């Protein structure tokens, strides 16, 4: 049974997408949707450092698509 009083992950270096409270924690912590979090974990694995690195890479890629002219 889940302990609903938990506020932080047991292992702060990994994201457990099988626990809803962890999903809730990490979506808030990372500022992303549940769908995005699950997709990232499925893509790069549960290590928080890998998820953050992929978020950074995606942001960098999306910013490089911007040409500065609004087109």
N, C-alpha and C. Protein backbone atom coordinates (compact mmCIF):
# COMPACT_ATOMS: atom_id res chain seq x y z
N UNK A 1 0.85 -1.18 0.00
CA UNK A 1 0.00 0.00 0.00
C UNK A 1 0.89 1.24 0.00
N UNK A 2 0.50 2.25 -0.78
CA UNK A 2 1.27 3.49 -0.84
C UNK A 2 1.14 4.28 0.45
N UNK A 3 2.24 4.91 0.84
CA UNK A 3 2.24 5.83 1.98
C UNK A 3 1.95 7.22 1.43
N UNK A 4 0.74 7.69 1.58
CA UNK A 4 0.33 8.95 0.98
C UNK A 4 0.91 10.17 1.69
N UNK A 5 1.61 9.96 2.78
CA UNK A 5 2.23 11.09 3.47
C UNK A 5 3.61 11.42 2.92
N UNK A 6 4.12 10.60 2.02
CA UNK A 6 5.45 10.83 1.45
C UNK A 6 5.44 12.10 0.61
N UNK A 7 6.49 12.89 0.78
CA UNK A 7 6.60 14.14 0.05
C UNK A 7 7.77 14.13 -0.93
N UNK A 8 8.74 13.26 -0.71
CA UNK A 8 9.93 13.18 -1.55
C UNK A 8 10.19 11.73 -1.93
N UNK A 9 10.83 11.53 -3.07
CA UNK A 9 11.16 10.16 -3.48
C UNK A 9 12.11 9.48 -2.52
N UNK A 10 11.96 8.17 -2.38
CA UNK A 10 12.89 7.41 -1.53
C UNK A 10 14.29 7.47 -2.10
N UNK A 11 14.41 7.38 -3.42
CA UNK A 11 15.70 7.50 -4.10
C UNK A 11 15.64 8.76 -4.95
N UNK A 12 16.23 9.86 -4.48
CA UNK A 12 16.12 11.13 -5.20
C UNK A 12 16.86 11.16 -6.53
N UNK A 13 17.59 10.10 -6.85
CA UNK A 13 18.32 10.05 -8.11
C UNK A 13 17.52 9.34 -9.21
N UNK A 14 16.37 8.75 -8.84
CA UNK A 14 15.58 7.98 -9.82
C UNK A 14 14.11 8.36 -9.73
N UNK A 15 13.46 8.26 -10.87
CA UNK A 15 12.03 8.55 -10.97
C UNK A 15 11.29 7.24 -11.13
N UNK A 16 10.38 6.96 -10.21
CA UNK A 16 9.58 5.74 -10.26
C UNK A 16 8.21 6.10 -10.84
N UNK A 17 8.02 5.80 -12.13
CA UNK A 17 6.75 6.14 -12.77
C UNK A 17 5.64 5.14 -12.45
N UNK A 18 5.94 4.19 -11.58
CA UNK A 18 4.92 3.24 -11.13
C UNK A 18 4.23 3.71 -9.85
N UNK A 19 4.66 4.83 -9.31
CA UNK A 19 4.06 5.40 -8.10
C UNK A 19 3.50 6.78 -8.44
N UNK A 20 2.18 6.94 -8.33
CA UNK A 20 1.55 8.20 -8.71
C UNK A 20 2.09 9.38 -7.91
N UNK A 21 2.37 9.18 -6.63
CA UNK A 21 2.88 10.31 -5.84
C UNK A 21 4.25 10.75 -6.32
N UNK A 22 5.06 9.82 -6.85
CA UNK A 22 6.35 10.21 -7.41
C UNK A 22 6.16 10.96 -8.72
N UNK A 23 5.21 10.50 -9.53
CA UNK A 23 4.90 11.23 -10.76
C UNK A 23 4.47 12.65 -10.42
N UNK A 24 3.59 12.78 -9.43
CA UNK A 24 3.13 14.11 -9.01
C UNK A 24 4.30 14.97 -8.54
N UNK A 25 5.19 14.37 -7.75
CA UNK A 25 6.36 15.11 -7.25
C UNK A 25 7.24 15.59 -8.39
N UNK A 26 7.60 14.67 -9.30
CA UNK A 26 8.54 15.02 -10.35
C UNK A 26 7.95 15.95 -11.40
N UNK A 27 6.65 15.84 -11.70
CA UNK A 27 6.06 16.78 -12.65
C UNK A 27 6.10 18.19 -12.09
N UNK A 28 5.85 18.31 -10.80
CA UNK A 28 5.92 19.64 -10.16
C UNK A 28 7.37 20.12 -10.10
N UNK A 29 8.26 19.25 -9.71
CA UNK A 29 9.68 19.60 -9.57
C UNK A 29 10.29 20.03 -10.91
N UNK A 30 9.93 19.33 -11.98
CA UNK A 30 10.52 19.60 -13.29
C UNK A 30 9.68 20.56 -14.14
N UNK A 31 8.46 20.83 -13.71
CA UNK A 31 7.60 21.75 -14.45
C UNK A 31 7.13 21.19 -15.79
N UNK A 32 6.83 19.89 -15.81
CA UNK A 32 6.38 19.24 -17.04
C UNK A 32 5.12 18.43 -16.75
N UNK A 33 4.46 18.00 -17.82
CA UNK A 33 3.24 17.20 -17.66
C UNK A 33 3.57 15.75 -17.31
N UNK A 34 2.57 15.06 -16.84
CA UNK A 34 2.72 13.63 -16.54
C UNK A 34 3.08 12.85 -17.81
N UNK A 35 2.41 13.18 -18.90
CA UNK A 35 2.69 12.51 -20.18
C UNK A 35 4.14 12.72 -20.60
N UNK A 36 4.63 13.95 -20.47
CA UNK A 36 6.00 14.27 -20.84
C UNK A 36 6.98 13.52 -19.95
N UNK A 37 6.73 13.49 -18.65
CA UNK A 37 7.61 12.79 -17.71
C UNK A 37 7.72 11.31 -18.07
N UNK A 38 6.59 10.68 -18.30
CA UNK A 38 6.60 9.25 -18.62
C UNK A 38 7.33 9.00 -19.94
N UNK A 39 7.10 9.87 -20.92
CA UNK A 39 7.79 9.72 -22.21
C UNK A 39 9.30 9.86 -22.04
N UNK A 40 9.73 10.81 -21.23
CA UNK A 40 11.16 11.01 -21.01
C UNK A 40 11.78 9.82 -20.29
N UNK A 41 11.11 9.32 -19.26
CA UNK A 41 11.63 8.16 -18.52
C UNK A 41 11.69 6.95 -19.44
N UNK A 42 10.69 6.78 -20.29
CA UNK A 42 10.72 5.66 -21.24
C UNK A 42 11.84 5.83 -22.26
N UNK A 43 12.19 7.06 -22.59
CA UNK A 43 13.23 7.32 -23.58
C UNK A 43 14.64 7.19 -23.01
N UNK A 44 14.89 7.81 -21.83
CA UNK A 44 16.27 7.88 -21.31
C UNK A 44 16.49 7.10 -20.03
N UNK A 45 15.44 6.52 -19.48
CA UNK A 45 15.57 5.77 -18.23
C UNK A 45 15.17 6.59 -17.03
N UNK A 46 15.15 5.98 -15.85
CA UNK A 46 14.61 6.63 -14.66
C UNK A 46 15.57 7.57 -13.92
N UNK A 47 16.82 7.66 -14.35
CA UNK A 47 17.77 8.51 -13.65
C UNK A 47 17.42 9.98 -13.86
N UNK A 48 17.28 10.70 -12.77
CA UNK A 48 16.89 12.11 -12.82
C UNK A 48 17.87 12.91 -13.66
N UNK A 49 19.15 12.64 -13.53
CA UNK A 49 20.15 13.39 -14.29
C UNK A 49 19.95 13.22 -15.79
N UNK A 50 19.60 12.02 -16.24
CA UNK A 50 19.35 11.78 -17.66
C UNK A 50 18.09 12.48 -18.14
N UNK A 51 17.06 12.48 -17.30
CA UNK A 51 15.81 13.15 -17.66
C UNK A 51 16.05 14.66 -17.77
N UNK A 52 16.76 15.22 -16.81
CA UNK A 52 17.06 16.66 -16.85
C UNK A 52 17.92 17.01 -18.05
N UNK A 53 18.89 16.16 -18.38
CA UNK A 53 19.75 16.41 -19.54
C UNK A 53 18.94 16.38 -20.83
N UNK A 54 18.01 15.45 -20.94
CA UNK A 54 17.18 15.37 -22.14
C UNK A 54 16.25 16.58 -22.24
N UNK A 55 15.71 17.02 -21.11
CA UNK A 55 14.89 18.23 -21.12
C UNK A 55 15.71 19.42 -21.62
N UNK A 56 16.95 19.53 -21.15
CA UNK A 56 17.84 20.61 -21.56
C UNK A 56 18.12 20.53 -23.05
N UNK A 57 18.41 19.31 -23.54
CA UNK A 57 18.67 19.13 -24.98
C UNK A 57 17.45 19.52 -25.82
N UNK A 58 16.27 19.12 -25.37
CA UNK A 58 15.05 19.45 -26.11
C UNK A 58 14.82 20.96 -26.13
N UNK A 59 15.07 21.60 -25.00
CA UNK A 59 14.90 23.05 -24.94
C UNK A 59 15.91 23.74 -25.86
N UNK A 60 17.13 23.26 -25.84
CA UNK A 60 18.17 23.85 -26.69
C UNK A 60 17.80 23.67 -28.16
N UNK A 61 17.31 22.47 -28.53
CA UNK A 61 16.90 22.22 -29.91
C UNK A 61 15.75 23.13 -30.31
N UNK A 62 14.77 23.30 -29.44
CA UNK A 62 13.62 24.14 -29.79
C UNK A 62 14.03 25.60 -29.88
N UNK A 63 14.98 26.04 -29.06
CA UNK A 63 15.46 27.42 -29.15
C UNK A 63 16.28 27.63 -30.41
N UNK A 64 17.00 26.63 -30.87
CA UNK A 64 17.81 26.78 -32.08
C UNK A 64 16.92 26.84 -33.33
N UNK A 65 15.67 26.35 -33.21
CA UNK A 65 14.74 26.44 -34.33
C UNK A 65 14.21 27.86 -34.51
N UNK A 66 14.33 28.67 -33.48
CA UNK A 66 13.84 30.04 -33.53
C UNK A 66 14.85 30.91 -34.26
N UNK A 67 14.42 31.57 -35.31
CA UNK A 67 15.36 32.35 -36.11
C UNK A 67 15.47 33.82 -35.68
N UNK A 68 14.67 34.21 -34.69
CA UNK A 68 14.75 35.58 -34.21
C UNK A 68 13.84 36.53 -34.96
N UNK A 69 13.20 36.07 -36.02
CA UNK A 69 12.35 36.92 -36.82
C UNK A 69 10.88 36.60 -36.68
N UNK A 70 10.58 35.59 -35.89
CA UNK A 70 9.19 35.24 -35.66
C UNK A 70 8.54 34.45 -36.79
N UNK A 71 9.34 33.92 -37.67
CA UNK A 71 8.80 33.13 -38.79
C UNK A 71 8.67 31.69 -38.44
